N, C-alpha and C. Protein backbone atom coordinates (compact mmCIF):
# COMPACT_ATOMS: atom_id res chain seq x y z
N UNK A 1 0.84 -1.17 0.00
CA UNK A 1 0.00 0.00 0.00
C UNK A 1 0.89 1.23 0.00
N UNK A 2 0.74 2.10 -0.98
CA UNK A 2 1.54 3.31 -1.11
C UNK A 2 0.64 4.52 -0.98
N UNK A 3 0.97 5.38 -0.03
CA UNK A 3 0.20 6.60 0.19
C UNK A 3 1.02 7.76 -0.33
N UNK A 4 0.67 8.29 -1.50
CA UNK A 4 1.47 9.34 -2.12
C UNK A 4 1.37 10.67 -1.40
N UNK A 5 0.54 10.76 -0.36
CA UNK A 5 0.44 12.01 0.38
C UNK A 5 1.52 12.13 1.45
N UNK A 6 2.26 11.07 1.72
CA UNK A 6 3.32 11.14 2.72
C UNK A 6 4.63 11.55 2.05
N UNK A 7 5.47 12.29 2.77
CA UNK A 7 6.73 12.74 2.18
C UNK A 7 7.65 11.59 1.78
N UNK A 8 7.54 10.47 2.46
CA UNK A 8 8.42 9.33 2.19
C UNK A 8 7.90 8.42 1.08
N UNK A 9 6.72 8.67 0.56
CA UNK A 9 6.13 7.78 -0.43
C UNK A 9 7.02 7.60 -1.65
N UNK A 10 7.60 8.69 -2.15
CA UNK A 10 8.47 8.59 -3.32
C UNK A 10 9.70 7.75 -3.04
N UNK A 11 10.27 7.91 -1.86
CA UNK A 11 11.44 7.13 -1.49
C UNK A 11 11.08 5.65 -1.35
N UNK A 12 9.97 5.37 -0.73
CA UNK A 12 9.55 3.99 -0.54
C UNK A 12 9.29 3.32 -1.89
N UNK A 13 8.62 4.03 -2.80
CA UNK A 13 8.38 3.49 -4.14
C UNK A 13 9.70 3.23 -4.85
N UNK A 14 10.63 4.14 -4.70
CA UNK A 14 11.93 3.99 -5.35
C UNK A 14 12.69 2.79 -4.78
N UNK A 15 12.63 2.61 -3.47
CA UNK A 15 13.28 1.46 -2.85
C UNK A 15 12.66 0.15 -3.32
N UNK A 16 11.36 0.13 -3.48
CA UNK A 16 10.68 -1.08 -3.99
C UNK A 16 11.16 -1.42 -5.39
N UNK A 17 11.30 -0.39 -6.24
CA UNK A 17 11.79 -0.63 -7.60
C UNK A 17 13.23 -1.15 -7.58
N UNK A 18 14.04 -0.60 -6.71
CA UNK A 18 15.43 -1.05 -6.61
C UNK A 18 15.48 -2.51 -6.18
N UNK A 19 14.66 -2.88 -5.22
CA UNK A 19 14.65 -4.26 -4.70
C UNK A 19 14.27 -5.28 -5.77
N UNK A 20 13.54 -4.86 -6.79
CA UNK A 20 13.11 -5.78 -7.86
C UNK A 20 14.19 -6.00 -8.91
N UNK A 21 15.27 -5.24 -8.86
CA UNK A 21 16.32 -5.32 -9.87
C UNK A 21 17.31 -6.44 -9.54
N UNK A 22 18.05 -6.90 -10.57
CA UNK A 22 19.11 -7.88 -10.32
C UNK A 22 20.16 -7.29 -9.38
N UNK A 23 20.88 -8.14 -8.67
CA UNK A 23 21.80 -7.72 -7.62
C UNK A 23 22.81 -6.67 -8.08
N UNK A 24 23.47 -6.88 -9.22
CA UNK A 24 24.48 -5.91 -9.65
C UNK A 24 23.86 -4.55 -9.97
N UNK A 25 22.70 -4.53 -10.56
CA UNK A 25 21.99 -3.29 -10.85
C UNK A 25 21.50 -2.65 -9.56
N UNK A 26 21.05 -3.49 -8.64
CA UNK A 26 20.56 -3.01 -7.35
C UNK A 26 21.65 -2.29 -6.58
N UNK A 27 22.85 -2.84 -6.60
CA UNK A 27 23.97 -2.21 -5.89
C UNK A 27 24.25 -0.83 -6.46
N UNK A 28 24.27 -0.70 -7.77
CA UNK A 28 24.50 0.60 -8.40
C UNK A 28 23.37 1.57 -8.07
N UNK A 29 22.14 1.09 -8.05
CA UNK A 29 20.99 1.96 -7.75
C UNK A 29 21.03 2.44 -6.30
N UNK A 30 21.40 1.55 -5.38
CA UNK A 30 21.53 1.96 -3.97
C UNK A 30 22.66 2.98 -3.81
N UNK A 31 23.75 2.80 -4.52
CA UNK A 31 24.86 3.75 -4.44
C UNK A 31 24.42 5.12 -4.95
N UNK A 32 23.69 5.14 -6.06
CA UNK A 32 23.20 6.41 -6.61
C UNK A 32 22.22 7.07 -5.66
N UNK A 33 21.35 6.29 -5.05
CA UNK A 33 20.39 6.83 -4.09
C UNK A 33 21.13 7.40 -2.88
N UNK A 34 22.14 6.69 -2.40
CA UNK A 34 22.93 7.16 -1.27
C UNK A 34 23.58 8.50 -1.59
N UNK A 35 24.17 8.62 -2.77
CA UNK A 35 24.81 9.87 -3.17
C UNK A 35 23.80 11.01 -3.25
N UNK A 36 22.63 10.73 -3.79
CA UNK A 36 21.59 11.75 -3.90
C UNK A 36 21.13 12.23 -2.53
N UNK A 37 20.88 11.28 -1.63
CA UNK A 37 20.42 11.65 -0.29
C UNK A 37 21.50 12.40 0.48
N UNK A 38 22.76 12.02 0.30
CA UNK A 38 23.86 12.72 0.96
C UNK A 38 23.96 14.16 0.47
N UNK A 39 23.81 14.36 -0.85
CA UNK A 39 23.84 15.72 -1.40
C UNK A 39 22.69 16.56 -0.85
N UNK A 40 21.50 15.95 -0.78
CA UNK A 40 20.35 16.68 -0.25
C UNK A 40 20.54 17.05 1.21
N UNK A 41 21.11 16.14 1.98
CA UNK A 41 21.36 16.40 3.39
C UNK A 41 22.39 17.51 3.57
N UNK A 42 23.46 17.46 2.78
CA UNK A 42 24.50 18.46 2.88
C UNK A 42 24.02 19.84 2.45
N UNK A 43 23.04 19.91 1.56
CA UNK A 43 22.57 21.21 1.07
C UNK A 43 21.38 21.73 1.89
N UNK A 44 20.93 20.97 2.86
CA UNK A 44 19.80 21.40 3.69
C UNK A 44 20.23 22.58 4.55
N UNK A 45 19.29 23.50 4.80
CA UNK A 45 19.63 24.63 5.67
C UNK A 45 19.93 24.15 7.08
N UNK A 46 20.85 24.83 7.73
CA UNK A 46 21.24 24.49 9.09
C UNK A 46 20.37 25.31 10.06
N UNK A 47 19.81 24.63 11.04
CA UNK A 47 18.96 25.29 12.05
C UNK A 47 19.86 25.72 13.20
N UNK A 48 20.10 27.03 13.33
CA UNK A 48 21.00 27.49 14.41
C UNK A 48 20.41 27.30 15.80
N UNK A 49 19.11 27.04 15.91
CA UNK A 49 18.49 26.84 17.22
C UNK A 49 18.52 25.39 17.64
N UNK A 50 18.94 24.50 16.75
CA UNK A 50 18.98 23.07 17.08
C UNK A 50 20.08 22.80 18.11
N UNK A 51 19.77 21.93 19.05
CA UNK A 51 20.76 21.55 20.06
C UNK A 51 21.83 20.69 19.41
N UNK A 52 23.08 20.87 19.82
CA UNK A 52 24.15 20.07 19.23
C UNK A 52 24.58 18.95 20.12
């Protein structure tokens, strides 16, 4: 069951597609997803009020 109204729905759908791929393709897809998520995290605004 996929609920497209949740922020994680796109990620979950993408992970499902990756899991259906052959192992060598799956590894490359996970690596690409990891790189994309890391770039998004690094470019996110920093909250100066967040506790460290």
